[in-house]
C-alpha atoms as a PDB file:
ATOM      1  CA  MET A   1       2.846 -23.875  11.053  1.00  0.00           C
ATOM      2  CA  LEU A   2       5.261 -20.965  11.559  1.00  0.00           C
ATOM      3  CA  ASN A   3       6.328 -19.601  14.960  1.00  0.00           C
ATOM      4  CA  ARG A   4       8.477 -16.736  15.862  1.00  0.00           C
ATOM      5  CA  TYR A   5      11.571 -18.871  15.327  1.00  0.00           C
ATOM      6  CA  ASP A   6      10.604 -20.078  11.882  1.00  0.00           C
ATOM      7  CA  ARG A   7      10.152 -16.675  10.278  1.00  0.00           C
ATOM      8  CA  SER A   8      12.530 -15.570   7.623  1.00  0.00           C
ATOM      9  CA  PRO A   9      14.585 -12.406   8.256  1.00  0.00           C
ATOM     10  CA  PRO A  10      12.630  -9.222   7.759  1.00  0.00           C
ATOM     11  CA  MET A  11      12.779  -7.748   4.213  1.00  0.00           C
ATOM     12  CA  ASN A  12      14.328  -4.254   3.633  1.00  0.00           C
ATOM     13  CA  GLY A  13      13.410  -1.813   0.970  1.00  0.00           C
ATOM     14  CA  GLU A  14      10.401  -0.987  -1.086  1.00  0.00           C
ATOM     15  CA  ALA A  15       8.080  -3.767  -2.245  1.00  0.00           C
ATOM     16  CA  GLU A  16       6.367  -3.907  -5.606  1.00  0.00           C
ATOM     17  CA  VAL A  17       2.777  -4.785  -5.202  1.00  0.00           C
ATOM     18  CA  LYS A  18      -0.118  -5.659  -7.505  1.00  0.00           C
ATOM     19  CA  TYR A  19      -3.387  -4.286  -5.943  1.00  0.00           C
ATOM     20  CA  LEU A  20      -6.457  -6.499  -6.418  1.00  0.00           C
ATOM     21  CA  ASP A  21     -10.074  -6.206  -5.222  1.00  0.00           C
ATOM     22  CA  GLY A  22      -9.882  -6.804  -1.431  1.00  0.00           C
ATOM     23  CA  ASP A  23      -6.272  -8.139  -1.474  1.00  0.00           C
ATOM     24  CA  PHE A  24      -2.909  -7.484  -2.953  1.00  0.00           C
ATOM     25  CA  ARG A  25      -0.004  -9.573  -4.316  1.00  0.00           C
ATOM     26  CA  VAL A  26       3.652  -8.879  -3.565  1.00  0.00           C
ATOM     27  CA  VAL A  27       5.488  -9.009  -6.904  1.00  0.00           C
ATOM     28  CA  ARG A  28       8.865  -7.987  -5.460  1.00  0.00           C
ATOM     29  CA  PRO A  29       9.439  -8.566  -1.783  1.00  0.00           C
ATOM     30  CA  GLY A  30      10.200  -5.613   0.506  1.00  0.00           C
ATOM     31  CA  ALA A  31       9.216  -4.161   3.760  1.00  0.00           C
ATOM     32  CA  PHE A  32       6.942  -1.272   2.626  1.00  0.00           C
ATOM     33  CA  VAL A  33       5.205   0.595  -0.168  1.00  0.00           C
ATOM     34  CA  ARG A  34       4.885   4.336  -0.538  1.00  0.00           C
ATOM     35  CA  CYS A  35       1.680   6.387  -0.149  1.00  0.00           C
ATOM     36  CA  ALA A  36       0.809   7.871  -3.629  1.00  0.00           C
ATOM     37  CA  VAL A  37      -0.317  11.086  -1.943  1.00  0.00           C
ATOM     38  CA  SER A  38       2.222  11.763   0.744  1.00  0.00           C
ATOM     39  CA  GLY A  39       5.056   9.556  -0.056  1.00  0.00           C
ATOM     40  CA  VAL A  40       5.355   8.179   3.338  1.00  0.00           C
ATOM     41  CA  PRO A  41       6.283   4.458   3.606  1.00  0.00           C
ATOM     42  CA  ILE A  42       3.488   2.099   4.651  1.00  0.00           C
ATOM     43  CA  PRO A  43       4.759  -1.179   6.130  1.00  0.00           C
ATOM     44  CA  LEU A  44       3.025  -4.054   4.209  1.00  0.00           C
ATOM     45  CA  GLU A  45       1.508  -5.375   7.454  1.00  0.00           C
ATOM     46  CA  GLU A  46      -0.224  -2.077   7.949  1.00  0.00           C
ATOM     47  CA  LEU A  47      -1.438  -1.579   4.310  1.00  0.00           C
ATOM     48  CA  LYS A  48      -5.234  -1.026   4.398  1.00  0.00           C
ATOM     49  CA  TYR A  49      -6.044   1.409   1.628  1.00  0.00           C
ATOM     50  CA  TRP A  50      -5.323   1.211  -2.202  1.00  0.00           C
ATOM     51  CA  ASN A  51      -6.871   1.883  -5.536  1.00  0.00           C
ATOM     52  CA  VAL A  52      -6.991  -1.171  -7.985  1.00  0.00           C
ATOM     53  CA  ASP A  53      -7.562   1.032 -11.042  1.00  0.00           C
ATOM     54  CA  LEU A  54      -4.706   3.448 -10.312  1.00  0.00           C
ATOM     55  CA  GLN A  55      -2.501   0.770  -8.666  1.00  0.00           C
ATOM     56  CA  GLU A  56      -1.670   3.125  -5.818  1.00  0.00           C
ATOM     57  CA  ALA A  57      -1.418   2.668  -2.087  1.00  0.00           C
ATOM     58  CA  TYR A  58      -2.561   5.212   0.475  1.00  0.00           C
ATOM     59  CA  ALA A  59      -1.473   5.707   4.148  1.00  0.00           C
ATOM     60  CA  THR A  60      -4.711   7.014   5.488  1.00  0.00           C
ATOM     61  CA  PRO A  61      -8.367   7.527   4.726  1.00  0.00           C
ATOM     62  CA  GLU A  62      -7.667  11.265   4.287  1.00  0.00           C
ATOM     63  CA  ALA A  63      -5.076  10.447   1.588  1.00  0.00           C
ATOM     64  CA  VAL A  64      -7.731   8.352  -0.273  1.00  0.00           C
ATOM     65  CA  LEU A  65     -10.096  11.327  -0.109  1.00  0.00           C
ATOM     66  CA  GLN A  66      -7.386  13.721  -1.298  1.00  0.00           C
ATOM     67  CA  ARG A  67      -6.638  11.542  -4.301  1.00  0.00           C
ATOM     68  CA  TYR A  68     -10.223  11.393  -5.099  1.00  0.00           C
ATOM     69  CA  ARG A  69     -10.696  15.109  -4.887  1.00  0.00           C
ATOM     70  CA  ASP A  70      -7.653  15.645  -7.127  1.00  0.00           C
ATOM     71  CA  ALA A  71      -8.983  13.256  -9.681  1.00  0.00           C
ATOM     72  CA  HIS A  72     -12.544  14.769  -9.588  1.00  0.00           C
ATOM     73  CA  PRO A  73     -12.107  18.559  -9.020  1.00  0.00           C
ATOM     74  CA  SER A  74     -15.838  19.217  -9.839  1.00  0.00           C
ATOM     75  CA  LYS A  75     -16.941  17.046  -6.819  1.00  0.00           C
ATOM     76  CA  LYS A  76     -15.111  18.875  -4.109  1.00  0.00           C
END
């Protein structure tokens, strides 16, 4: 069991992540991934939204909706 004294030092830089259904796997360690729509960094512990098919992360539900609208212009 880990406690606050057992943790490894925080990672820096951008992580490489494989997005799965309901989960993700860190391929290359890092502190964050970037939103595919806005480019803002998303700390891994705050990552909630991604697209498995496109292998993209999103910072907010609005970013998810924007990407959907960009991919499906007839459904705006």
